[in-house]
Structure formats: structure tokens, C-alpha cells
Amino acid sequence: MKKEIDLKKYLSNPDTCPFCGREDITAGDSDFADIKAWRNIRCASCKKEWTEEFTITNVQVSTEDL
């Protein structure tokens, strides 16, 4: 049983299950706390679950505010 996810491989195709390779995955709503964000993912085929964690990578000012 595979316990860890190869992050580089997962990020190249996040629409497939990193355990069984099927596209039968469902993402829950995103949750936020302070500057952290995450969402739970579940594969209907193999029943595995995992959590994606998000970070801020950029901030842009709206052109309306300039």
C-alpha cells in the first residue's frame, strides 16, 4: 500500500488519484484559517483520501484601485 504521494508527479496531474491513477476523485470545499488553506480530496475508486494544502504564491493589486 502506497502511503506517500510523489508531490512532483501529483502536481503534474492533480486531476488523477495519486494512489490508483483513476480520475474518479472529488474535492471538498476549501477551508481557510489565517493564511492557511486546504481541501480534502477523495477517490471513489480506491477510497483513499488526502488533503491538498495551499500557500500564497503572489498578490496582485486590482487595476480598479490604481
C-alpha atoms as a PDB file:
ATOM      1  CA  MET A   1       0.000   0.000   0.000  1.00  0.00           C
ATOM      2  CA  LYS A   2       1.410   3.369  -1.051  1.00  0.00           C
ATOM      3  CA  LYS A   3       1.497   5.754   1.921  1.00  0.00           C
ATOM      4  CA  GLU A   4       3.267   8.810   0.490  1.00  0.00           C
ATOM      5  CA  ILE A   5       2.437  10.909  -2.546  1.00  0.00           C
ATOM      6  CA  ASP A   6       5.146  11.877  -5.041  1.00  0.00           C
ATOM      7  CA  LEU A   7       4.472  15.639  -4.963  1.00  0.00           C
ATOM      8  CA  LYS A   8       6.153  16.455  -8.282  1.00  0.00           C
ATOM      9  CA  LYS A   9       4.186  13.724 -10.075  1.00  0.00           C
ATOM     10  CA  TYR A  10       0.951  14.758  -8.323  1.00  0.00           C
ATOM     11  CA  LEU A  11       1.350  18.425  -9.283  1.00  0.00           C
ATOM     12  CA  SER A  12       1.918  17.466 -12.926  1.00  0.00           C
ATOM     13  CA  ASN A  13      -1.553  15.862 -12.996  1.00  0.00           C
ATOM     14  CA  PRO A  14      -3.643  16.702  -9.896  1.00  0.00           C
ATOM     15  CA  ASP A  15      -6.847  15.500 -11.570  1.00  0.00           C
ATOM     16  CA  THR A  16      -5.967  11.843 -11.018  1.00  0.00           C
ATOM     17  CA  CYS A  17      -5.697   9.805  -7.844  1.00  0.00           C
ATOM     18  CA  PRO A  18      -2.046   9.553  -6.765  1.00  0.00           C
ATOM     19  CA  PHE A  19      -2.725   6.035  -5.453  1.00  0.00           C
ATOM     20  CA  CYS A  20      -4.654   4.262  -8.227  1.00  0.00           C
ATOM     21  CA  GLY A  21      -4.330   6.727 -11.136  1.00  0.00           C
ATOM     22  CA  ARG A  22      -8.070   6.962 -11.809  1.00  0.00           C
ATOM     23  CA  GLU A  23      -9.859  10.257 -12.466  1.00  0.00           C
ATOM     24  CA  ASP A  24     -12.753   9.429 -10.142  1.00  0.00           C
ATOM     25  CA  ILE A  25     -11.796  11.994  -7.487  1.00  0.00           C
ATOM     26  CA  THR A  26     -13.895  14.570  -5.672  1.00  0.00           C
ATOM     27  CA  ALA A  27     -12.668  17.671  -3.881  1.00  0.00           C
ATOM     28  CA  GLY A  28     -14.473  19.062  -0.878  1.00  0.00           C
ATOM     29  CA  ASP A  29     -14.921  22.758  -0.195  1.00  0.00           C
ATOM     30  CA  SER A  30     -11.779  24.734   0.586  1.00  0.00           C
ATOM     31  CA  ASP A  31     -11.242  25.719   4.217  1.00  0.00           C
ATOM     32  CA  PHE A  32      -9.273  28.725   5.400  1.00  0.00           C
ATOM     33  CA  ALA A  33      -7.676  29.703   8.709  1.00  0.00           C
ATOM     34  CA  ASP A  34      -5.412  32.718   8.993  1.00  0.00           C
ATOM     35  CA  ILE A  35      -3.153  32.437   5.936  1.00  0.00           C
ATOM     36  CA  LYS A  36      -3.576  28.664   5.535  1.00  0.00           C
ATOM     37  CA  ALA A  37      -5.946  26.967   3.107  1.00  0.00           C
ATOM     38  CA  TRP A  38      -6.669  23.332   2.362  1.00  0.00           C
ATOM     39  CA  ARG A  39      -9.231  20.962   0.865  1.00  0.00           C
ATOM     40  CA  ASN A  40      -9.907  17.276   1.301  1.00  0.00           C
ATOM     41  CA  ILE A  41      -9.860  15.005  -1.739  1.00  0.00           C
ATOM     42  CA  ARG A  42     -11.368  11.515  -2.027  1.00  0.00           C
ATOM     43  CA  CYS A  43     -11.056   8.857  -4.707  1.00  0.00           C
ATOM     44  CA  ALA A  44     -14.280   6.951  -5.307  1.00  0.00           C
ATOM     45  CA  SER A  45     -12.391   4.099  -6.979  1.00  0.00           C
ATOM     46  CA  CYS A  46      -9.833   3.140  -4.312  1.00  0.00           C
ATOM     47  CA  LYS A  47     -11.450   5.018  -1.374  1.00  0.00           C
ATOM     48  CA  LYS A  48      -8.176   6.810  -0.479  1.00  0.00           C
ATOM     49  CA  GLU A  49      -8.370  10.318   0.976  1.00  0.00           C
ATOM     50  CA  TRP A  50      -5.765  13.096   1.120  1.00  0.00           C
ATOM     51  CA  THR A  51      -5.554  16.804   1.819  1.00  0.00           C
ATOM     52  CA  GLU A  52      -4.201  19.468  -0.518  1.00  0.00           C
ATOM     53  CA  GLU A  53      -2.566  22.386   1.281  1.00  0.00           C
ATOM     54  CA  PHE A  54      -2.318  25.813  -0.341  1.00  0.00           C
ATOM     55  CA  THR A  55       0.084  28.715   0.122  1.00  0.00           C
ATOM     56  CA  ILE A  56       0.114  32.273  -1.149  1.00  0.00           C
ATOM     57  CA  THR A  57       2.323  32.486  -4.230  1.00  0.00           C
ATOM     58  CA  ASN A  58       1.522  36.012  -5.396  1.00  0.00           C
ATOM     59  CA  VAL A  59      -0.562  39.090  -4.616  1.00  0.00           C
ATOM     60  CA  GLN A  60      -1.894  41.389  -7.326  1.00  0.00           C
ATOM     61  CA  VAL A  61      -3.460  44.824  -6.944  1.00  0.00           C
ATOM     62  CA  SER A  62      -6.685  45.293  -8.850  1.00  0.00           C
ATOM     63  CA  THR A  63      -6.392  47.789 -11.694  1.00  0.00           C
ATOM     64  CA  GLU A  64      -9.576  49.429 -10.367  1.00  0.00           C
ATOM     65  CA  ASP A  65      -7.592  50.575  -7.314  1.00  0.00           C
ATOM     66  CA  LEU A  66      -4.796  52.233  -9.301  1.00  0.00           C
END
